[in-house]
Amino acid sequence: MINTLQKRNKFYFPSDDTHFSGAAYQQAHRNNSLRHVTNFGTALDVGAHVGTWAVDLGLYFDKVICFEPIAAVSYTHLRAHE
């Protein structure tokens, strides 16, 4: 079953999701990770969920490839951020 989308700050989440809080979710981890990057060609977001990392990575990298193995989090959720 595909859930409807609910916008929280700049992200769209499945409407029944209660874990992720929105734009600031893991922001400090993303900022810390980016400090160690020297090549900004392609980023891989494995376990992309709805794209909380991918959206920010897209600001720095030429290309971001997302993979989300959980069927309940659909391609539609990831594409909602374009």
C-alpha atoms as a PDB file:
ATOM      1  CA  MET A   1       0.000   0.000   0.000  1.00  0.00           C
ATOM      2  CA  ILE A   2       1.363   3.425  -0.953  1.00  0.00           C
ATOM      3  CA  ASN A   3       0.759   6.109   1.644  1.00  0.00           C
ATOM      4  CA  THR A   4      -0.295   9.611   0.797  1.00  0.00           C
ATOM      5  CA  LEU A   5       2.317  12.352   1.047  1.00  0.00           C
ATOM      6  CA  GLN A   6       2.493  14.882   3.858  1.00  0.00           C
ATOM      7  CA  LYS A   7       4.833  17.876   3.592  1.00  0.00           C
ATOM      8  CA  ARG A   8       6.906  18.668   6.696  1.00  0.00           C
ATOM      9  CA  ASN A   9       9.050  21.723   6.121  1.00  0.00           C
ATOM     10  CA  LYS A  10      10.775  21.019   2.789  1.00  0.00           C
ATOM     11  CA  PHE A  11      10.277  17.222   2.717  1.00  0.00           C
ATOM     12  CA  TYR A  12       7.406  14.950   1.772  1.00  0.00           C
ATOM     13  CA  PHE A  13       6.873  11.946   4.051  1.00  0.00           C
ATOM     14  CA  PRO A  14       4.404   9.065   4.029  1.00  0.00           C
ATOM     15  CA  SER A  15       1.415  10.358   5.985  1.00  0.00           C
ATOM     16  CA  ASP A  16       1.718   7.587   8.581  1.00  0.00           C
ATOM     17  CA  ASP A  17       5.429   8.209   9.257  1.00  0.00           C
ATOM     18  CA  THR A  18       6.127   9.384  12.812  1.00  0.00           C
ATOM     19  CA  HIS A  19       9.926   9.018  13.006  1.00  0.00           C
ATOM     20  CA  PHE A  20      11.251  11.739  10.726  1.00  0.00           C
ATOM     21  CA  SER A  21      10.736  15.319  11.811  1.00  0.00           C
ATOM     22  CA  GLY A  22      11.433  17.274   8.633  1.00  0.00           C
ATOM     23  CA  ALA A  23      14.116  19.570   7.269  1.00  0.00           C
ATOM     24  CA  ALA A  24      16.506  19.478  10.223  1.00  0.00           C
ATOM     25  CA  TYR A  25      16.522  15.674  10.484  1.00  0.00           C
ATOM     26  CA  GLN A  26      20.193  14.575  10.617  1.00  0.00           C
ATOM     27  CA  GLN A  27      21.364  17.977   9.339  1.00  0.00           C
ATOM     28  CA  ALA A  28      24.444  17.920  11.587  1.00  0.00           C
ATOM     29  CA  HIS A  29      25.381  14.468  10.240  1.00  0.00           C
ATOM     30  CA  ARG A  30      25.072  15.696   6.638  1.00  0.00           C
ATOM     31  CA  ASN A  31      27.175  18.767   7.330  1.00  0.00           C
ATOM     32  CA  ASN A  32      29.852  16.691   9.064  1.00  0.00           C
ATOM     33  CA  SER A  33      29.925  14.156   6.227  1.00  0.00           C
ATOM     34  CA  LEU A  34      30.347  16.860   3.589  1.00  0.00           C
ATOM     35  CA  ARG A  35      33.469  18.151   5.348  1.00  0.00           C
ATOM     36  CA  HIS A  36      35.233  14.927   4.316  1.00  0.00           C
ATOM     37  CA  VAL A  37      34.307  15.025   0.621  1.00  0.00           C
ATOM     38  CA  THR A  38      36.844  16.038  -2.010  1.00  0.00           C
ATOM     39  CA  ASN A  39      35.089  14.835  -5.175  1.00  0.00           C
ATOM     40  CA  PHE A  40      31.607  16.241  -5.754  1.00  0.00           C
ATOM     41  CA  GLY A  41      30.812  14.302  -8.936  1.00  0.00           C
ATOM     42  CA  THR A  42      28.312  11.617  -7.822  1.00  0.00           C
ATOM     43  CA  ALA A  43      26.792  10.857  -4.429  1.00  0.00           C
ATOM     44  CA  LEU A  44      25.067   7.597  -3.505  1.00  0.00           C
ATOM     45  CA  ASP A  45      22.200   7.693  -1.033  1.00  0.00           C
ATOM     46  CA  VAL A  46      21.641   4.069  -0.041  1.00  0.00           C
ATOM     47  CA  GLY A  47      18.544   3.727   2.088  1.00  0.00           C
ATOM     48  CA  ALA A  48      17.248   7.037   0.773  1.00  0.00           C
ATOM     49  CA  HIS A  49      13.830   6.824   2.444  1.00  0.00           C
ATOM     50  CA  VAL A  50      12.130   9.986   1.141  1.00  0.00           C
ATOM     51  CA  GLY A  51      15.340  11.830   0.299  1.00  0.00           C
ATOM     52  CA  THR A  52      16.252  13.841   3.405  1.00  0.00           C
ATOM     53  CA  TRP A  53      19.933  13.406   2.556  1.00  0.00           C
ATOM     54  CA  ALA A  54      19.497  13.386  -1.226  1.00  0.00           C
ATOM     55  CA  VAL A  55      17.903  16.823  -1.388  1.00  0.00           C
ATOM     56  CA  ASP A  56      20.823  18.434   0.446  1.00  0.00           C
ATOM     57  CA  LEU A  57      23.422  16.353  -1.399  1.00  0.00           C
ATOM     58  CA  GLY A  58      21.930  17.620  -4.654  1.00  0.00           C
ATOM     59  CA  LEU A  59      23.047  21.119  -3.680  1.00  0.00           C
ATOM     60  CA  TYR A  60      26.699  20.010  -3.654  1.00  0.00           C
ATOM     61  CA  PHE A  61      27.043  17.094  -6.072  1.00  0.00           C
ATOM     62  CA  ASP A  62      26.690  17.001  -9.840  1.00  0.00           C
ATOM     63  CA  LYS A  63      24.548  13.866  -9.566  1.00  0.00           C
ATOM     64  CA  VAL A  64      22.808  11.997  -6.725  1.00  0.00           C
ATOM     65  CA  ILE A  65      21.743   8.364  -7.111  1.00  0.00           C
ATOM     66  CA  CYS A  66      19.148   7.161  -4.584  1.00  0.00           C
ATOM     67  CA  PHE A  67      18.287   3.611  -3.622  1.00  0.00           C
ATOM     68  CA  GLU A  68      15.442   2.750  -1.281  1.00  0.00           C
ATOM     69  CA  PRO A  69      14.657  -0.962  -0.808  1.00  0.00           C
ATOM     70  CA  ILE A  70      11.491  -0.496   1.281  1.00  0.00           C
ATOM     71  CA  ALA A  71       8.481  -0.796  -1.013  1.00  0.00           C
ATOM     72  CA  ALA A  72       6.268   1.410   1.170  1.00  0.00           C
ATOM     73  CA  VAL A  73       8.556   4.330   0.382  1.00  0.00           C
ATOM     74  CA  SER A  74       7.926   4.694  -3.292  1.00  0.00           C
ATOM     75  CA  TYR A  75       9.642   6.348  -6.203  1.00  0.00           C
ATOM     76  CA  THR A  76       6.824   8.908  -6.016  1.00  0.00           C
ATOM     77  CA  HIS A  77       7.987   9.989  -2.547  1.00  0.00           C
ATOM     78  CA  LEU A  78      11.557  10.513  -3.743  1.00  0.00           C
ATOM     79  CA  ARG A  79      10.467  12.366  -6.894  1.00  0.00           C
ATOM     80  CA  ALA A  80       8.245  14.736  -4.913  1.00  0.00           C
ATOM     81  CA  HIS A  81      11.351  16.749  -4.008  1.00  0.00           C
ATOM     82  CA  GLU A  82      12.243  17.790  -7.557  1.00  0.00           C
END
